[in-house]
Amino acid sequence: MGVLNRKDRRALLKKGNIENVVAGAINQTHSKIRLDTINDLMAMALMALNSEFGFGEKRLKKFHQKIASLGEDLIAGTVELEDIRNHLRENCNVQF
C-alpha cells in the first residue's frame, strides 16, 4: 500500500479497515526512516570526501550523481549489491 493522504485514511477508518490504516502508517514511517538513513550516509560520505580528500563542489556533485545512478540501477535490477561488493573486493581489495 502506498502513501495514504488524510482523505484516504479517513475513508478506510469509516469502512472499519483500521489494519490498512496502521499498515499504511507503518510503511510511510519505514520509507521515511530509509530515506533519512540514505541521506545521512550520503552526507557523511560527501563530508569525508571533502575534508579528507579535498573534493570540491564539482567532484562532490559528480560523486553524488554516480551514487544516484547506481541506486537507479539497483532498483531497475540491472546491477546487484553483490556485484558491487565483488567488484570492490576483486579490484580494490576492499572487504565488506
Protein backbone atom coordinates (compact mmCIF):
# COMPACT_ATOMS: atom_id res chain seq x y z
CA MET A 1 0.00 0.00 0.00
CA GLY A 2 1.38 3.40 -0.95
CA VAL A 3 1.30 6.69 0.87
CA LEU A 4 -2.15 7.49 2.19
CA ASN A 5 -3.37 11.05 2.33
CA ARG A 6 -5.73 12.29 5.03
CA LYS A 7 -8.84 11.71 2.92
CA ASP A 8 -7.85 8.10 2.15
CA ARG A 9 -7.09 7.38 5.81
CA ARG A 10 -10.47 8.72 6.89
CA ALA A 11 -12.28 6.66 4.23
CA LEU A 12 -10.55 3.50 5.40
CA LEU A 13 -11.37 4.28 9.03
CA LYS A 14 -15.05 4.75 8.15
CA LYS A 15 -15.04 1.34 6.44
CA GLY A 16 -13.52 -0.25 9.54
CA ASN A 17 -10.23 -1.08 7.83
CA ILE A 18 -8.04 0.04 10.72
CA GLU A 19 -5.47 -2.64 9.83
CA ASN A 20 -4.92 -0.99 6.44
CA VAL A 21 -4.55 2.43 8.03
CA VAL A 22 -1.99 1.10 10.50
CA ALA A 23 -0.12 -0.79 7.76
CA GLY A 24 -0.04 2.35 5.62
CA ALA A 25 1.27 4.43 8.51
CA ILE A 26 3.97 1.85 9.22
CA ASN A 27 5.00 1.75 5.56
CA GLN A 28 5.20 5.56 5.47
CA THR A 29 7.35 5.56 8.61
CA HIS A 30 9.69 2.87 7.26
CA SER A 31 10.07 4.73 3.96
CA LYS A 32 10.95 7.94 5.78
CA ILE A 33 13.47 6.16 8.00
CA ARG A 34 15.13 4.54 4.96
CA LEU A 35 15.29 7.86 3.11
CA ASP A 36 16.67 9.67 6.17
CA THR A 37 19.31 6.96 6.62
CA ILE A 38 20.37 7.16 2.98
CA ASN A 39 20.60 10.95 3.17
CA ASP A 40 22.64 10.75 6.39
CA LEU A 41 25.08 8.25 4.87
CA MET A 42 25.42 10.38 1.74
CA ALA A 43 26.14 13.47 3.85
CA MET A 44 28.85 11.57 5.76
CA ALA A 45 30.42 10.29 2.53
CA LEU A 46 30.43 13.77 0.98
CA MET A 47 31.91 15.26 4.15
CA ALA A 48 34.70 12.66 4.20
CA LEU A 49 35.48 13.24 0.52
CA ASN A 50 35.60 16.99 1.10
CA SER A 51 37.53 17.13 4.35
CA GLU A 52 39.94 14.21 3.85
CA PHE A 53 40.46 14.18 0.08
CA GLY A 54 39.82 17.77 -0.94
CA PHE A 55 36.80 17.14 -3.12
CA GLY A 56 35.13 20.42 -4.04
CA GLU A 57 31.67 21.19 -5.32
CA LYS A 58 32.22 19.81 -8.84
CA ARG A 59 33.62 16.43 -7.79
CA LEU A 60 31.13 16.07 -4.92
CA LYS A 61 28.23 16.62 -7.33
CA LYS A 62 29.73 14.12 -9.76
CA PHE A 63 30.09 11.56 -6.94
CA HIS A 64 26.52 12.19 -5.78
CA GLN A 65 25.22 11.71 -9.33
CA LYS A 66 27.11 8.43 -9.68
CA ILE A 67 25.64 7.12 -6.42
CA ALA A 68 22.15 8.14 -7.60
CA SER A 69 22.78 6.34 -10.90
CA LEU A 70 23.88 3.17 -9.09
CA GLY A 71 20.77 3.39 -6.94
CA GLU A 72 18.60 3.57 -10.05
CA ASP A 73 20.43 0.54 -11.48
CA LEU A 74 19.78 -1.38 -8.26
CA ILE A 75 16.09 -0.52 -8.37
CA ALA A 76 15.89 -1.47 -12.06
CA GLY A 77 17.63 -4.76 -11.31
CA THR A 78 20.45 -4.18 -13.79
CA VAL A 79 23.03 -4.48 -11.01
CA GLU A 80 23.05 -6.29 -7.66
CA LEU A 81 24.74 -5.20 -4.45
CA GLU A 82 26.73 -8.41 -4.53
CA ASP A 83 28.14 -7.34 -7.94
CA ILE A 84 29.31 -4.07 -6.41
CA ARG A 85 30.87 -5.83 -3.42
CA ASN A 86 32.62 -8.34 -5.70
CA HIS A 87 33.99 -5.55 -7.89
CA LEU A 88 35.39 -3.71 -4.88
CA ARG A 89 36.83 -6.91 -3.40
CA GLU A 90 38.48 -8.00 -6.67
CA ASN A 91 39.64 -4.62 -7.98
CA CYS A 92 40.30 -2.59 -4.84
CA ASN A 93 40.89 -5.21 -2.13
CA VAL A 94 38.00 -3.72 -0.11
CA GLN A 95 36.19 -6.25 2.05
CA PHE A 96 32.67 -5.99 3.49
